[in-house]
Amino acid sequence: MAGFPIWYELMTPDAAAIGPFYRATAGLDIPAEGTMMPNGAEYRMIGRPDGGNAGGALTLTPAMIEGGAMAGWLPYFHCPDIDAALLQAKALGGQLWMDQTIPGTGRMAMLSDPQGAPFYIMNPVPPPGMPDAKSDVFDAAKPGHCRWMQLDTTDAPAANAFYTALFDWKTDQTMPMGAAGDYRFIECEGQQIGAINPMIAEGASPAWLLFFGVEDIDTARKAAQANGGTATQDIHQVPSGDFIFMARDPAGAAVAFVGPRKGAA
């Protein structure tokens, strides 16, 4: 089915400098050295505590920054028919920024929705000898994985119309958020993967916010502050029973963390 998250990419001006922040908060390992790409950027696989990958870190080049690229996390959604999706996205007001095929990896395209939130669609090539391989970067329950994805947007109804036309998403379950509208949950392949949030901070741009699972939310909060991060919304409980907080990493990328509260508040 189209629309399940299969990869996450952290764009950052200095991947080595933010490594301690992610290692201390969620146990994510960003290597000091990366693989050089043809455009001069470096790419690093982000390791999870269980040995798998949480995504990748792309070091922004001066040219990318000059062109407007900023530190941030972007989701990749599975899409078996890229051509059809691009036509649909364009018809609905989306914008195409990049479309490329990497031999042995697959075809991917970077888009932004009509409100401006960037994301990728990808039709991956399975690893050799593993035709039924499936990405495990998203897991709604496990620490070290992305457990939730929230689209903060300026027009939730329009965003909902765009993504449900593009992907196989069900978004009929909602939670009222007062005058702002409804917080709309996203279901794909039989599980909730995130939500469309009608509330956005003043001056903020529409974007996907990723929530990474942690073993203990208080420990993660202290680690974020001790390693150059800044909390933008402090610890609070959500309807699932877990606790979350939102932050910016040392390079300014927005990120959130979710997990239980094991210690003292």
Protein backbone atom coordinates (compact mmCIF):
# COMPACT_ATOMS: atom_id res chain seq x y z
CA MET A 1 0.00 0.00 0.00
CA ALA A 2 1.18 3.52 -0.74
CA GLY A 3 1.96 5.85 2.11
CA PHE A 4 3.67 3.76 4.77
CA PRO A 5 6.86 5.42 6.13
CA ILE A 6 9.97 3.54 5.00
CA TRP A 7 12.87 5.92 5.74
CA TYR A 8 13.74 9.14 7.53
CA GLU A 9 16.37 11.69 6.57
CA LEU A 10 17.95 14.30 8.79
CA MET A 11 19.30 17.25 6.83
CA THR A 12 21.92 19.09 8.86
CA PRO A 13 24.88 21.43 8.29
CA ASP A 14 27.15 19.42 10.61
CA ALA A 15 26.27 15.75 11.16
CA ALA A 16 29.22 15.08 13.44
CA ALA A 17 28.29 17.95 15.79
CA ILE A 18 24.74 16.70 16.43
CA GLY A 19 25.78 13.09 17.04
CA PRO A 20 26.04 13.40 20.84
CA PHE A 21 22.52 14.86 21.08
CA TYR A 22 20.83 11.94 19.33
CA ARG A 23 23.02 9.34 21.01
CA ALA A 24 22.20 10.69 24.48
CA THR A 25 18.46 11.17 23.94
CA ALA A 26 17.39 8.14 21.88
CA GLY A 27 20.48 5.96 21.52
CA LEU A 28 20.83 6.83 17.83
CA ASP A 29 24.33 6.58 16.40
CA ILE A 30 25.44 9.10 13.76
CA PRO A 31 29.00 8.18 12.66
CA ALA A 32 31.73 10.79 12.67
CA GLU A 33 32.56 9.99 9.05
CA GLY A 34 30.16 9.79 6.13
CA THR A 35 30.09 8.64 2.51
CA MET A 36 30.83 11.40 0.02
CA MET A 37 28.12 11.96 -2.59
CA PRO A 38 28.60 13.33 -6.14
CA ASN A 39 27.18 16.74 -5.13
CA GLY A 40 29.72 17.17 -2.34
CA ALA A 41 27.38 16.27 0.51
CA GLU A 42 28.08 13.46 2.96
CA TYR A 43 25.61 10.74 3.88
CA ARG A 44 25.61 8.76 7.11
CA MET A 45 23.41 5.86 8.14
CA ILE A 46 21.84 6.49 11.55
CA GLY A 47 22.10 3.36 13.68
CA ARG A 48 19.54 2.22 16.25
CA PRO A 49 20.36 0.62 19.61
CA ASP A 50 19.12 -2.76 18.28
CA GLY A 51 21.55 -2.69 15.36
CA GLY A 52 19.12 -1.60 12.65
CA ASN A 53 18.90 1.75 10.91
CA ALA A 54 16.72 4.66 12.01
CA GLY A 55 17.35 6.59 8.78
CA GLY A 56 20.13 8.66 7.28
CA ALA A 57 21.84 12.00 7.88
CA LEU A 58 22.54 14.23 4.89
CA THR A 59 25.10 16.97 5.42
CA LEU A 60 23.94 20.16 3.77
CA THR A 61 26.48 21.76 1.46
CA PRO A 62 26.95 25.57 1.31
CA ALA A 63 25.16 25.54 -2.05
CA MET A 64 22.15 23.74 -0.55
CA ILE A 65 21.99 26.21 2.34
CA GLU A 66 22.28 29.14 -0.06
CA GLY A 67 19.37 27.63 -2.01
CA GLY A 68 17.19 27.63 1.10
CA ALA A 69 17.73 24.16 2.58
CA MET A 70 17.52 24.09 6.38
CA ALA A 71 18.14 21.60 9.15
CA GLY A 72 15.18 19.25 9.54
CA TRP A 73 13.80 15.72 9.40
CA LEU A 74 11.95 14.47 6.30
CA PRO A 75 9.89 11.27 5.99
CA TYR A 76 9.98 8.92 3.01
CA PHE A 77 6.65 7.29 2.12
CA HIS A 78 6.42 4.10 0.11
CA CYS A 79 4.99 4.68 -3.35
CA PRO A 80 4.82 1.85 -5.92
CA ASP A 81 3.88 4.19 -8.81
CA ILE A 82 5.98 7.35 -8.71
CA ASP A 83 4.76 8.69 -12.06
CA ALA A 84 1.10 8.49 -11.08
CA ALA A 85 1.81 10.05 -7.69
CA LEU A 86 3.68 12.97 -9.24
CA LEU A 87 0.81 13.69 -11.61
CA GLN A 88 -1.68 13.53 -8.74
CA ALA A 89 0.46 15.72 -6.49
CA LYS A 90 0.87 18.36 -9.20
CA ALA A 91 -2.87 18.40 -9.91
CA LEU A 92 -3.54 18.95 -6.20
CA GLY A 93 -1.09 21.83 -5.80
CA GLY A 94 2.03 19.99 -4.66
CA GLN A 95 5.50 20.95 -5.91
CA LEU A 96 8.26 18.67 -7.19
CA TRP A 97 11.80 19.49 -6.08
CA MET A 98 13.76 16.41 -7.08
CA ASP A 99 13.20 13.14 -8.97
CA GLN A 100 16.00 10.63 -9.28
CA THR A 101 16.72 6.93 -9.64
CA ILE A 102 19.67 5.38 -7.82
CA PRO A 103 20.69 1.98 -9.22
CA GLY A 104 20.24 -0.72 -6.60
CA THR A 105 18.32 1.62 -4.30
CA GLY A 106 15.24 2.74 -6.20
CA ARG A 107 13.45 5.81 -7.43
CA MET A 108 12.65 8.72 -5.14
CA ALA A 109 11.12 12.15 -5.49
CA MET A 110 11.13 15.07 -3.09
CA LEU A 111 7.90 17.04 -2.96
CA SER A 112 6.20 19.65 -0.86
CA ASP A 113 2.48 19.61 -0.15
CA PRO A 114 0.29 22.63 -1.04
CA GLN A 115 1.02 24.21 2.36
CA GLY A 116 4.78 23.79 1.89
CA ALA A 117 5.69 20.78 4.06
CA PRO A 118 8.47 18.76 2.36
CA PHE A 119 8.52 14.96 2.13
CA TYR A 120 9.75 12.15 -0.11
CA ILE A 121 8.02 9.37 -1.99
CA MET A 122 10.06 6.30 -2.88
CA ASN A 123 9.76 3.02 -4.73
CA PRO A 124 12.68 1.08 -3.26
CA VAL A 125 14.60 -1.84 -4.74
CA PRO A 126 14.65 -4.75 -2.25
CA PRO A 127 18.08 -6.00 -1.12
CA PRO A 128 19.53 -8.86 -3.22
CA GLY A 129 17.92 -12.17 -2.32
CA MET A 130 15.26 -10.50 -0.16
CA PRO A 131 12.35 -9.70 -2.49
CA ASP A 132 9.87 -9.45 0.39
CA ALA A 133 12.03 -7.26 2.64
CA LYS A 134 10.16 -4.52 4.45
CA SER A 135 11.45 -1.39 6.13
CA ASP A 136 11.38 -1.39 9.94
CA VAL A 137 12.32 2.25 10.61
CA PHE A 138 8.81 2.94 11.91
CA ASP A 139 7.55 1.07 14.95
CA ALA A 140 4.76 2.50 17.09
CA ALA A 141 6.01 0.79 20.24
CA LYS A 142 9.79 0.41 20.25
CA PRO A 143 12.48 2.76 21.59
CA GLY A 144 15.05 3.84 19.01
CA HIS A 145 12.46 3.84 16.22
CA CYS A 146 10.27 6.62 14.95
CA ARG A 147 7.02 5.95 16.82
CA TRP A 148 4.80 8.78 15.56
CA MET A 149 4.68 11.39 12.80
CA GLN A 150 2.80 14.67 13.06
CA LEU A 151 2.12 17.05 10.21
CA ASP A 152 1.95 20.56 11.64
CA THR A 153 0.13 22.58 9.01
CA THR A 154 -1.66 25.85 8.34
CA ASP A 155 -4.61 24.18 6.59
CA ALA A 156 -5.43 20.75 7.99
CA PRO A 157 -8.51 20.05 5.80
CA ALA A 158 -6.56 20.85 2.61
CA ALA A 159 -3.60 18.78 3.77
CA ASN A 160 -5.91 15.88 4.54
CA ALA A 161 -7.44 16.06 1.06
CA PHE A 162 -3.98 16.11 -0.53
CA TYR A 163 -2.46 13.16 1.30
CA THR A 164 -5.53 10.92 1.21
CA ALA A 165 -5.68 11.40 -2.56
CA LEU A 166 -1.98 10.53 -2.84
CA PHE A 167 -1.76 7.63 -0.36
CA ASP A 168 -3.82 4.75 1.00
CA TRP A 169 -4.56 6.54 4.27
CA LYS A 170 -7.64 6.45 6.45
CA THR A 171 -8.14 9.66 8.44
CA ASP A 172 -11.70 9.40 9.75
CA GLN A 173 -10.69 9.19 13.43
CA THR A 174 -10.33 12.67 14.95
CA MET A 175 -9.83 14.51 18.21
CA PRO A 176 -11.34 18.01 18.58
CA MET A 177 -8.81 20.79 19.18
CA GLY A 178 -11.24 23.64 19.80
CA ALA A 179 -11.33 26.55 17.39
CA ALA A 180 -8.25 25.22 15.54
CA GLY A 181 -10.19 22.23 14.22
CA ASP A 182 -9.61 18.50 14.49
CA TYR A 183 -6.44 16.55 15.18
CA ARG A 184 -6.81 13.86 12.50
CA PHE A 185 -5.22 10.45 13.00
CA ILE A 186 -3.55 8.68 10.07
CA GLU A 187 -4.00 4.94 9.59
CA CYS A 188 -1.99 3.02 6.98
CA GLU A 189 -1.70 -0.74 6.56
CA GLY A 190 -3.91 -1.27 9.58
CA GLN A 191 -1.94 0.81 12.08
CA GLN A 192 -1.80 4.40 13.21
CA ILE A 193 1.36 6.08 11.97
CA GLY A 194 0.68 9.69 12.96
CA ALA A 195 -1.69 12.59 12.61
CA ILE A 196 -2.45 15.87 10.87
CA ASN A 197 -2.26 18.66 13.42
CA PRO A 198 -4.31 21.83 12.80
CA MET A 199 -2.27 23.80 15.35
CA ILE A 200 1.06 25.31 14.32
CA ALA A 201 3.35 27.66 16.22
CA GLU A 202 3.25 31.29 15.20
CA GLY A 203 5.82 31.95 12.50
CA ALA A 204 6.53 28.24 11.97
CA SER A 205 6.46 26.65 8.51
CA PRO A 206 4.36 23.54 7.80
CA ALA A 207 6.48 20.43 8.34
CA TRP A 208 6.46 16.82 9.45
CA LEU A 209 7.57 16.34 13.07
CA LEU A 210 9.03 12.94 13.96
CA PHE A 211 8.69 11.40 17.43
CA PHE A 212 11.48 8.98 18.36
CA GLY A 213 10.92 6.39 21.07
CA VAL A 214 12.98 6.58 24.26
CA GLU A 215 13.33 4.33 27.31
CA ASP A 216 12.54 7.11 29.80
CA ILE A 217 11.24 10.55 28.90
CA ASP A 218 12.80 12.40 31.86
CA THR A 219 16.24 10.98 31.12
CA ALA A 220 15.87 11.94 27.46
CA ARG A 221 14.78 15.47 28.38
CA LYS A 222 17.81 15.99 30.60
CA ALA A 223 20.10 14.52 27.92
CA ALA A 224 18.69 16.85 25.28
CA GLN A 225 19.47 19.92 27.36
CA ALA A 226 22.91 18.63 28.35
CA ASN A 227 23.88 18.02 24.72
CA GLY A 228 22.99 21.32 23.10
CA GLY A 229 19.29 20.83 22.47
CA THR A 230 16.47 23.24 23.28
CA ALA A 231 13.03 22.14 24.47
CA THR A 232 10.25 23.87 22.57
CA GLN A 233 7.44 22.11 24.46
CA ASP A 234 8.15 20.43 27.78
CA ILE A 235 7.13 16.99 28.98
CA HIS A 236 3.43 16.25 29.00
CA GLN A 237 1.24 13.17 28.79
CA VAL A 238 -0.70 12.19 25.66
CA PRO A 239 -3.88 10.07 25.39
CA SER A 240 -1.87 6.86 24.77
CA GLY A 241 -0.49 7.13 28.30
CA ASP A 242 3.02 7.89 27.12
CA PHE A 243 4.84 11.18 27.66
CA ILE A 244 6.34 13.44 25.02
CA PHE A 245 8.46 16.54 24.67
CA MET A 246 9.45 18.55 21.63
CA ALA A 247 12.85 20.07 20.96
CA ARG A 248 15.34 21.44 18.50
CA ASP A 249 18.65 19.68 18.08
CA PRO A 250 21.92 21.67 18.23
CA ALA A 251 21.64 22.51 14.51
CA GLY A 252 18.03 23.70 14.81
CA ALA A 253 16.14 20.68 13.45
CA ALA A 254 12.75 20.14 15.09
CA VAL A 255 12.35 16.70 16.66
CA ALA A 256 10.21 15.10 19.36
CA PHE A 257 10.57 12.18 21.74
CA VAL A 258 8.01 9.78 23.23
CA GLY A 259 8.21 7.20 25.96
CA PRO A 260 7.24 6.21 29.50
CA ARG A 261 7.99 8.18 32.65
CA LYS A 262 10.00 5.80 34.82
CA GLY A 263 11.70 8.21 37.22
CA ALA A 264 10.57 11.15 39.27
CA ALA A 265 8.94 14.06 37.47
